[in-house]
Structure formats: C-alpha cells, structure tokens
Protein backbone atom coordinates (compact mmCIF):
# COMPACT_ATOMS: atom_id res chain seq x y z
CA MET A 1 95.01 -15.95 -38.87
CA ILE A 2 98.38 -14.22 -38.72
CA GLU A 3 100.14 -17.57 -38.33
CA MET A 4 98.40 -18.87 -41.44
CA LEU A 5 99.50 -15.80 -43.42
CA VAL A 6 103.08 -16.28 -42.26
CA VAL A 7 103.00 -19.94 -43.35
CA ILE A 8 101.57 -19.01 -46.76
CA ILE A 9 104.23 -16.34 -47.25
CA LEU A 10 107.00 -18.81 -46.32
CA ILE A 11 105.62 -21.40 -48.73
CA GLY A 12 105.56 -18.74 -51.45
CA ILE A 13 109.17 -17.75 -50.80
CA LEU A 14 110.34 -21.39 -50.85
CA ALA A 15 108.39 -22.08 -54.06
CA GLY A 16 110.00 -19.03 -55.67
CA ILE A 17 113.47 -20.24 -54.74
CA ALA A 18 112.74 -23.75 -56.03
CA ALA A 19 111.26 -22.51 -59.32
CA SER A 20 114.28 -20.34 -60.05
CA ARG A 21 116.54 -23.40 -59.88
CA LEU A 22 114.63 -25.34 -62.56
CA ASP A 23 116.32 -25.63 -65.93
CA TRP A 24 113.43 -24.85 -68.30
CA VAL A 25 115.57 -25.00 -71.45
CA ARG A 26 116.52 -28.61 -70.65
CA TYR A 27 112.85 -29.54 -70.28
CA ARG A 28 112.04 -27.85 -73.58
CA ALA A 29 114.94 -29.64 -75.30
CA ASP A 30 113.71 -32.98 -74.02
CA SER A 31 110.17 -32.16 -75.13
CA VAL A 32 111.21 -31.21 -78.67
CA ALA A 33 113.36 -34.34 -79.00
CA ARG A 34 110.52 -36.57 -77.77
CA GLY A 35 108.18 -34.92 -80.29
CA VAL A 36 110.53 -35.62 -83.21
CA LEU A 37 111.09 -39.15 -81.95
CA ALA A 38 107.34 -39.73 -81.78
CA ASP A 39 106.78 -38.30 -85.28
CA LEU A 40 109.49 -40.51 -86.80
CA SER A 41 108.24 -43.61 -84.97
CA ALA A 42 104.68 -42.90 -86.11
CA ALA A 43 105.88 -42.46 -89.71
CA GLN A 44 107.63 -45.82 -89.59
CA ARG A 45 104.53 -47.55 -88.16
CA THR A 46 102.37 -45.86 -90.81
CA ALA A 47 104.63 -47.21 -93.56
CA VAL A 48 104.21 -50.74 -92.22
CA SER A 49 100.48 -50.54 -91.57
CA LEU A 50 99.55 -48.90 -94.89
CA GLN A 51 102.15 -50.87 -96.87
CA THR A 52 103.40 -47.72 -98.55
CA ASP A 53 106.49 -45.53 -98.42
CA VAL A 54 106.52 -42.61 -95.99
CA ARG A 55 108.96 -39.83 -96.86
CA ILE A 56 110.45 -37.50 -94.24
CA THR A 57 111.96 -34.30 -95.60
CA THR A 58 113.47 -31.40 -93.67
CA LEU A 59 112.01 -28.32 -95.38
CA SER A 60 113.83 -25.71 -93.36
CA ASN A 61 115.93 -25.73 -90.24
CA ASP A 62 112.81 -26.11 -88.10
CA ARG A 63 110.19 -28.03 -90.17
CA LEU A 64 109.63 -31.63 -91.21
CA ARG A 65 107.31 -32.76 -94.00
CA ILE A 66 105.86 -36.25 -93.60
CA HIS A 67 104.49 -37.55 -96.90
CA GLU A 68 102.52 -40.80 -97.15
CA ASP A 69 103.47 -41.77 -100.71
CA ALA A 70 100.56 -44.08 -101.58
CA ASN A 71 101.75 -44.88 -105.12
CA ASN A 72 105.47 -44.88 -104.19
CA ASN A 73 106.43 -42.50 -106.99
CA GLY A 74 108.29 -40.00 -104.79
CA ALA A 75 106.04 -37.08 -105.74
CA VAL A 76 103.32 -35.47 -103.68
CA ASP A 77 100.01 -36.19 -105.42
CA GLY A 78 96.67 -34.63 -104.55
CA SER A 79 95.22 -37.70 -102.86
CA GLU A 80 98.23 -38.38 -100.62
CA ARG A 81 98.37 -37.18 -97.03
CA VAL A 82 101.09 -34.70 -96.15
CA THR A 83 101.65 -33.40 -92.64
CA PHE A 84 104.11 -30.86 -91.30
CA THR A 85 105.88 -30.75 -87.96
CA VAL A 86 107.37 -27.52 -86.68
CA LEU A 87 109.98 -27.57 -83.93
CA GLU A 88 108.87 -25.47 -80.99
CA ASN A 89 110.68 -23.09 -78.65
CA GLY A 90 113.20 -21.95 -81.26
CA PHE A 91 114.95 -25.31 -81.64
CA ARG A 92 116.32 -26.18 -85.08
CA PHE A 93 117.74 -29.06 -87.06
CA GLY A 94 121.42 -29.20 -87.81
CA LYS A 95 124.60 -30.68 -86.49
CA GLY A 96 126.73 -27.57 -86.34
CA SER A 97 129.67 -28.21 -84.03
CA MET A 98 128.05 -31.18 -82.25
CA ALA A 99 130.01 -34.37 -81.89
CA GLY A 100 128.54 -37.48 -83.50
CA THR A 101 126.29 -39.74 -81.45
CA PRO A 102 127.88 -42.81 -79.83
CA ALA A 103 128.04 -46.21 -81.48
CA PRO A 104 126.06 -48.05 -82.70
CA ALA A 105 124.16 -44.98 -83.93
CA ASP A 106 125.13 -43.60 -87.34
CA ALA A 107 126.40 -40.03 -86.93
CA THR A 108 125.41 -39.00 -90.49
CA ASP A 109 123.40 -35.76 -90.34
CA LEU A 110 119.94 -36.33 -91.86
CA SER A 111 118.80 -32.70 -91.72
CA THR A 112 119.56 -32.10 -95.41
CA VAL A 113 118.28 -35.33 -97.00
CA THR A 114 115.00 -37.17 -97.50
CA LEU A 115 114.52 -40.24 -95.35
CA VAL A 116 112.12 -42.91 -96.60
CA PHE A 117 110.47 -45.52 -94.40
CA ARG A 118 109.64 -48.51 -96.59
CA ARG A 119 106.71 -50.93 -96.37
CA ASP A 120 108.73 -53.43 -94.36
CA GLY A 121 109.66 -50.79 -91.75
CA THR A 122 113.26 -50.32 -92.84
CA ALA A 123 114.71 -46.90 -93.59
CA SER A 124 116.33 -45.80 -96.84
CA ARG A 125 119.40 -44.73 -94.89
CA GLY A 126 120.71 -44.64 -91.37
CA GLY A 127 121.63 -41.43 -89.66
CA THR A 128 120.72 -38.88 -87.06
CA PHE A 129 118.50 -35.82 -86.82
CA TYR A 130 120.41 -33.36 -84.62
CA LEU A 131 118.48 -30.74 -82.63
CA SER A 132 120.18 -27.60 -81.36
CA SER A 133 118.78 -25.05 -78.95
CA PRO A 134 118.20 -21.33 -79.51
CA VAL A 135 120.35 -20.61 -76.44
CA ALA A 136 124.06 -19.93 -76.93
CA ASP A 137 125.31 -23.35 -75.91
CA THR A 138 129.05 -23.94 -76.45
CA THR A 139 129.05 -27.10 -74.32
CA CYS A 140 126.06 -28.51 -76.22
CA ARG A 141 124.20 -29.09 -72.95
CA TYR A 142 120.83 -28.63 -74.67
CA CYS A 143 121.69 -30.63 -77.79
CA ARG A 144 119.54 -33.63 -78.58
CA ALA A 145 119.63 -36.24 -81.33
CA VAL A 146 117.26 -38.81 -82.80
CA ALA A 147 119.07 -41.65 -84.57
CA ILE A 148 117.47 -43.91 -87.19
CA ALA A 149 118.73 -47.46 -87.72
CA ARG A 150 118.65 -48.32 -91.42
CA SER A 151 117.96 -52.04 -91.04
CA THR A 152 115.01 -51.72 -88.66
CA GLY A 153 113.85 -48.10 -89.06
CA ARG A 154 113.88 -47.77 -85.28
CA ALA A 155 114.26 -44.27 -83.84
CA VAL A 156 116.36 -43.80 -80.70
CA GLY A 157 116.80 -40.54 -78.78
CA TYR A 158 120.05 -39.21 -77.33
CA SER A 159 120.81 -36.39 -74.91
CA ASN A 160 124.05 -34.49 -74.50
CA ALA A 161 123.15 -32.81 -71.19
CA SER A 162 126.01 -34.44 -69.26
CA GLY A 163 128.70 -33.52 -71.81
CA ALA A 164 128.61 -36.90 -73.55
CA TRP A 165 125.89 -38.51 -75.64
CA VAL A 166 123.62 -40.72 -73.54
CA ARG A 167 120.67 -42.75 -74.78
CA ALA A 168 117.53 -40.94 -73.65
CA ASN A 169 114.82 -43.56 -74.12
C-alpha cells in the first residue's frame, strides 16, 4: 500500500512538472486562428452553395459579423441571416507592429474593411486578418494570421511562433 502511494505521489510530481512546461497561450492562439479560419471558409462555402454574397465585417477589434446577403444589396434586411463571431481568450484583430505574411499571401490588413465572398467563391479583395494576443508579445510569438486569396476566396492560416511566418494548415 505504501509503495502504491509513493508511485502515485511520484506520478503527481512528474505531471506537475510537465504541465508547467506547456505553453497554454500558444495553444489558445492556434485555437483562435483555427476558429477564424473555419468561419471564413464556411462563409465562402455558404456563398457558393446559396448563390448569394456573404459579407464579413469586423465590428470591433474582437468581433466579426457574417451576413448572408440574400438579395445582394449590401444592407442587412430582416429576412437575412446574420451571425457574430467573438474572438476568445482576449485575442483581437489588428496588425499593429506585425510584419506582413510571406508571399504569395497579400499582407493587406483586412481588420478595418468589409470582405465579400461572391457567388462563385471569389473574394472582393485579397488580404489578411491578423490576430494578436493579449500577452505582451514583442517578438510576436503568439501572432497568427488568416490570409484570403482574392481569386479563389481560399483562407490560409499562418503562425509566427518561430519568429517568421509559417503556413499553419
């Protein structure tokens, strides 16, 4: 019985040491970026499947509005579906001092404009949604980006964890 208690205590100590070495902010950054990537990809697929424009607007530094514009007039009407996405864990949109994403991605910051996915799946403009962490991060280790290709509407994620932008998906 005493041997079993000693083994359990040792396992607990080793688990505590291992858990303290995990970088939780990195996991949260990856999770937020994957969520934005999924929302943008779903909006593009919705535009193609419903044959209508889908408008993505950044309402604040941490919220996206996704508007299925059924009559393609650019205004939110009562019968059109509008959903909101809020960035979790204190992350926010904005480029700040981040370097642009690597080619062929367009480094234009999309956090202040409306992006429209058209019926054929293309985007109204190319550019990148930059995501910055709530942690003071001068090296941009927790910075993430989701780039949109104008010609195809495809969303691609990037991570800056290694000090240079690397494609994440």
